Amino acid sequence: MAAVDAKRDDESESVPFWRRKSLAQMSDAEWESLCDGCARCCLVKLEDEDTSEVAYTDVACTLLDAGTCRCRDYESRQAKVPDCVRLTPEVVEGLTWLPHTCAYRLIAEGRDLPAWHPLLTGDPDSVHAAGISVRGRVSASEDEVGLVEIVARVVEWPWEE
């Protein structure tokens, strides 16, 4: 019987964690590795109060390094940017503005990762090579433009897959 249990454990270990665990079951390291580094969630978004429709802009959070698509101060981001949303399994399920390609959204919806995801390719630059990231698409940081100008910077590409 112990041999059968060991074989089952080996088989389940060969299945990637994102296919066998829910978001809530993941370790911190597994959770963090789901982020593909696209930085679409770091773009300034505008929500229509009447329709709740969300529009992305090409303006990024002040902490985003648009070249690397990573936060300049990830550990302290919420202290420095109070409206930064910390993704958790509970929060992810209620966020309609996460990109359709976001691994957190995909897993929450019971779907698999896209072929270009770094966890599948082993290459952290695969998200950029696939044209999914914001690299080369950010026009300004949120601290460089006013609200009127941000409204004029609505873009469609973050919703593309």
C-alpha atoms as a PDB file:
ATOM      1  CA  MET A   1       0.000   0.000   0.000  1.00  0.00           C
ATOM      2  CA  ALA A   2       2.844   2.406   0.783  1.00  0.00           C
ATOM      3  CA  ALA A   3       4.263   1.847  -2.701  1.00  0.00           C
ATOM      4  CA  VAL A   4       0.914   2.806  -4.262  1.00  0.00           C
ATOM      5  CA  ASP A   5       0.767   6.013  -2.185  1.00  0.00           C
ATOM      6  CA  ALA A   6       4.366   6.857  -3.146  1.00  0.00           C
ATOM      7  CA  LYS A   7       3.545   6.336  -6.825  1.00  0.00           C
ATOM      8  CA  ARG A   8       0.505   8.632  -6.541  1.00  0.00           C
ATOM      9  CA  ASP A   9       2.680  11.282  -4.862  1.00  0.00           C
ATOM     10  CA  ASP A  10       5.251  10.997  -7.675  1.00  0.00           C
ATOM     11  CA  GLU A  11       2.533  11.299 -10.317  1.00  0.00           C
ATOM     12  CA  SER A  12       0.947  14.330  -8.656  1.00  0.00           C
ATOM     13  CA  GLU A  13       4.359  15.977  -8.337  1.00  0.00           C
ATOM     14  CA  SER A  14       4.870  15.621 -12.098  1.00  0.00           C
ATOM     15  CA  VAL A  15       1.768  17.745 -12.636  1.00  0.00           C
ATOM     16  CA  PRO A  16       2.707  21.431 -12.358  1.00  0.00           C
ATOM     17  CA  PHE A  17       1.516  23.115  -9.163  1.00  0.00           C
ATOM     18  CA  TRP A  18      -0.821  25.498 -11.010  1.00  0.00           C
ATOM     19  CA  ARG A  19      -2.724  22.515 -12.450  1.00  0.00           C
ATOM     20  CA  ARG A  20      -3.097  20.679  -9.147  1.00  0.00           C
ATOM     21  CA  LYS A  21      -3.530  23.509  -6.624  1.00  0.00           C
ATOM     22  CA  SER A  22      -6.020  26.288  -6.202  1.00  0.00           C
ATOM     23  CA  LEU A  23      -4.677  29.817  -5.764  1.00  0.00           C
ATOM     24  CA  ALA A  24      -5.389  29.567  -2.027  1.00  0.00           C
ATOM     25  CA  GLN A  25      -3.333  26.347  -1.732  1.00  0.00           C
ATOM     26  CA  MET A  26      -0.175  27.804  -3.270  1.00  0.00           C
ATOM     27  CA  SER A  27       2.924  28.660  -1.296  1.00  0.00           C
ATOM     28  CA  ASP A  28       4.180  32.242  -1.397  1.00  0.00           C
ATOM     29  CA  ALA A  29       6.905  31.232  -3.866  1.00  0.00           C
ATOM     30  CA  GLU A  30       4.405  29.466  -6.144  1.00  0.00           C
ATOM     31  CA  TRP A  31       2.058  32.456  -5.979  1.00  0.00           C
ATOM     32  CA  GLU A  32       4.781  34.921  -6.883  1.00  0.00           C
ATOM     33  CA  SER A  33       6.022  32.735  -9.746  1.00  0.00           C
ATOM     34  CA  LEU A  34       2.592  32.920 -11.402  1.00  0.00           C
ATOM     35  CA  CYS A  35       3.205  36.564 -12.237  1.00  0.00           C
ATOM     36  CA  ASP A  36       4.435  36.613 -15.826  1.00  0.00           C
ATOM     37  CA  GLY A  37       5.896  40.112 -15.518  1.00  0.00           C
ATOM     38  CA  CYS A  38       3.638  41.713 -18.128  1.00  0.00           C
ATOM     39  CA  ALA A  39       2.944  44.731 -15.860  1.00  0.00           C
ATOM     40  CA  ARG A  40      -0.466  45.337 -17.418  1.00  0.00           C
ATOM     41  CA  CYS A  41      -1.911  45.488 -13.913  1.00  0.00           C
ATOM     42  CA  CYS A  42       0.477  48.399 -13.224  1.00  0.00           C
ATOM     43  CA  LEU A  43      -1.135  50.608 -15.860  1.00  0.00           C
ATOM     44  CA  VAL A  44      -3.457  53.358 -14.722  1.00  0.00           C
ATOM     45  CA  LYS A  45      -7.037  52.245 -15.254  1.00  0.00           C
ATOM     46  CA  LEU A  46     -10.165  54.361 -15.418  1.00  0.00           C
ATOM     47  CA  GLU A  47     -13.563  53.036 -14.345  1.00  0.00           C
ATOM     48  CA  ASP A  48     -16.845  54.419 -15.622  1.00  0.00           C
ATOM     49  CA  GLU A  49     -18.959  55.029 -12.510  1.00  0.00           C
ATOM     50  CA  ASP A  50     -22.213  54.344 -14.367  1.00  0.00           C
ATOM     51  CA  THR A  51     -21.293  51.171 -16.254  1.00  0.00           C
ATOM     52  CA  SER A  52     -18.323  49.892 -14.187  1.00  0.00           C
ATOM     53  CA  GLU A  53     -16.483  49.485 -17.504  1.00  0.00           C
ATOM     54  CA  VAL A  54     -12.721  49.671 -17.073  1.00  0.00           C
ATOM     55  CA  ALA A  55     -10.395  51.322 -19.570  1.00  0.00           C
ATOM     56  CA  TYR A  56      -6.622  50.909 -19.549  1.00  0.00           C
ATOM     57  CA  THR A  57      -4.257  53.766 -20.311  1.00  0.00           C
ATOM     58  CA  ASP A  58      -0.644  53.775 -21.457  1.00  0.00           C
ATOM     59  CA  VAL A  59       0.280  55.575 -18.227  1.00  0.00           C
ATOM     60  CA  ALA A  60       2.011  53.453 -15.585  1.00  0.00           C
ATOM     61  CA  CYS A  61       2.251  53.435 -11.834  1.00  0.00           C
ATOM     62  CA  THR A  62       4.992  55.687 -10.553  1.00  0.00           C
ATOM     63  CA  LEU A  63       6.907  52.664  -9.217  1.00  0.00           C
ATOM     64  CA  LEU A  64       6.915  50.688 -12.458  1.00  0.00           C
ATOM     65  CA  ASP A  65      10.212  50.277 -14.262  1.00  0.00           C
ATOM     66  CA  ALA A  66       8.809  50.234 -17.802  1.00  0.00           C
ATOM     67  CA  GLY A  67      11.972  48.636 -19.175  1.00  0.00           C
ATOM     68  CA  THR A  68      11.986  45.608 -16.894  1.00  0.00           C
ATOM     69  CA  CYS A  69       8.210  45.596 -16.274  1.00  0.00           C
ATOM     70  CA  ARG A  70       8.880  45.193 -12.559  1.00  0.00           C
ATOM     71  CA  CYS A  71       8.080  47.285  -9.517  1.00  0.00           C
ATOM     72  CA  ARG A  72      10.947  49.449  -8.309  1.00  0.00           C
ATOM     73  CA  ASP A  73       9.948  48.856  -4.670  1.00  0.00           C
ATOM     74  CA  TYR A  74       7.771  45.750  -4.588  1.00  0.00           C
ATOM     75  CA  GLU A  75       8.059  45.179  -0.834  1.00  0.00           C
ATOM     76  CA  SER A  76       6.949  48.738   0.083  1.00  0.00           C
ATOM     77  CA  ARG A  77       4.656  49.411  -2.883  1.00  0.00           C
ATOM     78  CA  GLN A  78       1.455  49.717  -0.902  1.00  0.00           C
ATOM     79  CA  ALA A  79       2.967  52.219   1.522  1.00  0.00           C
ATOM     80  CA  LYS A  80       4.196  54.344  -1.387  1.00  0.00           C
ATOM     81  CA  VAL A  81       1.192  53.852  -3.686  1.00  0.00           C
ATOM     82  CA  PRO A  82      -1.889  53.530  -1.459  1.00  0.00           C
ATOM     83  CA  ASP A  83      -4.199  52.447  -4.299  1.00  0.00           C
ATOM     84  CA  CYS A  84      -1.891  49.594  -5.332  1.00  0.00           C
ATOM     85  CA  VAL A  85      -3.972  46.429  -5.173  1.00  0.00           C
ATOM     86  CA  ARG A  86      -2.278  43.520  -3.431  1.00  0.00           C
ATOM     87  CA  LEU A  87      -3.398  40.400  -5.240  1.00  0.00           C
ATOM     88  CA  THR A  88      -4.640  37.565  -3.051  1.00  0.00           C
ATOM     89  CA  PRO A  89      -6.774  34.556  -3.982  1.00  0.00           C
ATOM     90  CA  GLU A  90      -9.833  36.303  -2.538  1.00  0.00           C
ATOM     91  CA  VAL A  91      -9.134  39.593  -4.323  1.00  0.00           C
ATOM     92  CA  VAL A  92      -8.358  38.002  -7.699  1.00  0.00           C
ATOM     93  CA  GLU A  93     -11.804  36.449  -8.017  1.00  0.00           C
ATOM     94  CA  GLY A  94     -13.472  39.855  -7.747  1.00  0.00           C
ATOM     95  CA  LEU A  95     -11.214  41.824 -10.105  1.00  0.00           C
ATOM     96  CA  THR A  96     -12.754  42.297 -13.522  1.00  0.00           C
ATOM     97  CA  TRP A  97      -9.875  44.456 -14.745  1.00  0.00           C
ATOM     98  CA  LEU A  98      -7.169  41.797 -14.654  1.00  0.00           C
ATOM     99  CA  PRO A  99      -5.983  41.130 -18.204  1.00  0.00           C
ATOM    100  CA  HIS A 100      -7.364  38.026 -19.901  1.00  0.00           C
ATOM    101  CA  THR A 101      -3.808  36.681 -20.040  1.00  0.00           C
ATOM    102  CA  CYS A 102      -3.146  37.104 -16.292  1.00  0.00           C
ATOM    103  CA  ALA A 103      -2.149  33.784 -14.725  1.00  0.00           C
ATOM    104  CA  TYR A 104      -3.988  34.611 -11.509  1.00  0.00           C
ATOM    105  CA  ARG A 105      -7.190  35.198 -13.442  1.00  0.00           C
ATOM    106  CA  LEU A 106      -6.688  32.130 -15.641  1.00  0.00           C
ATOM    107  CA  ILE A 107      -6.101  29.804 -12.684  1.00  0.00           C
ATOM    108  CA  ALA A 108      -9.055  31.282 -10.764  1.00  0.00           C
ATOM    109  CA  GLU A 109     -11.220  30.555 -13.823  1.00  0.00           C
ATOM    110  CA  GLY A 110      -9.933  26.969 -14.024  1.00  0.00           C
ATOM    111  CA  ARG A 111      -7.912  27.602 -17.186  1.00  0.00           C
ATOM    112  CA  ASP A 112      -4.282  26.832 -17.994  1.00  0.00           C
ATOM    113  CA  LEU A 113      -1.324  29.128 -18.571  1.00  0.00           C
ATOM    114  CA  PRO A 114      -0.623  30.417 -22.090  1.00  0.00           C
ATOM    115  CA  ALA A 115       2.227  28.790 -24.016  1.00  0.00           C
ATOM    116  CA  TRP A 116       4.451  31.895 -23.683  1.00  0.00           C
ATOM    117  CA  HIS A 117       4.233  32.004 -19.849  1.00  0.00           C
ATOM    118  CA  PRO A 118       7.695  31.950 -18.213  1.00  0.00           C
ATOM    119  CA  LEU A 119       6.730  28.953 -16.060  1.00  0.00           C
ATOM    120  CA  LEU A 120       6.247  26.947 -19.266  1.00  0.00           C
ATOM    121  CA  THR A 121       9.099  28.380 -21.330  1.00  0.00           C
ATOM    122  CA  GLY A 122      11.668  28.676 -18.555  1.00  0.00           C
ATOM    123  CA  ASP A 123      12.496  32.110 -19.988  1.00  0.00           C
ATOM    124  CA  PRO A 124      11.454  35.265 -18.088  1.00  0.00           C
ATOM    125  CA  ASP A 125      11.658  37.228 -21.352  1.00  0.00           C
ATOM    126  CA  SER A 126       9.081  35.055 -23.139  1.00  0.00           C
ATOM    127  CA  VAL A 127       6.284  37.395 -22.014  1.00  0.00           C
ATOM    128  CA  HIS A 128       8.070  40.269 -23.764  1.00  0.00           C
ATOM    129  CA  ALA A 129       8.921  38.238 -26.872  1.00  0.00           C
ATOM    130  CA  ALA A 130       5.233  37.296 -27.159  1.00  0.00           C
ATOM    131  CA  GLY A 131       4.264  40.985 -27.126  1.00  0.00           C
ATOM    132  CA  ILE A 132       2.181  40.616 -23.978  1.00  0.00           C
ATOM    133  CA  SER A 133       4.066  42.971 -21.671  1.00  0.00           C
ATOM    134  CA  VAL A 134       3.911  46.755 -21.458  1.00  0.00           C
ATOM    135  CA  ARG A 135       7.577  47.030 -22.463  1.00  0.00           C
ATOM    136  CA  GLY A 136       7.873  49.755 -25.099  1.00  0.00           C
ATOM    137  CA  ARG A 137       4.212  50.759 -24.696  1.00  0.00           C
ATOM    138  CA  VAL A 138       4.225  53.005 -21.619  1.00  0.00           C
ATOM    139  CA  SER A 139       4.114  56.683 -22.541  1.00  0.00           C
ATOM    140  CA  ALA A 140       4.419  58.220 -19.081  1.00  0.00           C
ATOM    141  CA  SER A 141       4.368  57.672 -15.354  1.00  0.00           C
ATOM    142  CA  GLU A 142       1.270  58.680 -13.417  1.00  0.00           C
ATOM    143  CA  ASP A 143       3.202  61.400 -11.618  1.00  0.00           C
ATOM    144  CA  GLU A 144       4.069  63.028 -14.959  1.00  0.00           C
ATOM    145  CA  VAL A 145       0.537  63.584 -16.253  1.00  0.00           C
ATOM    146  CA  GLY A 146      -2.666  65.060 -14.930  1.00  0.00           C
ATOM    147  CA  LEU A 147      -6.096  63.456 -14.856  1.00  0.00           C
ATOM    148  CA  VAL A 148      -7.283  65.266 -17.989  1.00  0.00           C
ATOM    149  CA  GLU A 149      -4.282  63.989 -19.929  1.00  0.00           C
ATOM    150  CA  ILE A 150      -4.700  60.453 -18.550  1.00  0.00           C
ATOM    151  CA  VAL A 151      -8.247  60.314 -19.924  1.00  0.00           C
ATOM    152  CA  ALA A 152      -6.858  61.063 -23.376  1.00  0.00           C
ATOM    153  CA  ARG A 153      -4.421  58.131 -23.087  1.00  0.00           C
ATOM    154  CA  VAL A 154      -6.907  55.255 -23.091  1.00  0.00           C
ATOM    155  CA  VAL A 155      -5.608  52.291 -25.125  1.00  0.00           C
ATOM    156  CA  GLU A 156      -7.096  48.976 -26.262  1.00  0.00           C
ATOM    157  CA  TRP A 157      -4.004  46.737 -26.412  1.00  0.00           C
ATOM    158  CA  PRO A 158      -4.051  45.532 -22.789  1.00  0.00           C
ATOM    159  CA  TRP A 159      -7.266  43.643 -23.525  1.00  0.00           C
ATOM    160  CA  GLU A 160      -5.715  41.813 -26.469  1.00  0.00           C
ATOM    161  CA  GLU A 161      -4.507  38.269 -25.906  1.00  0.00           C
END
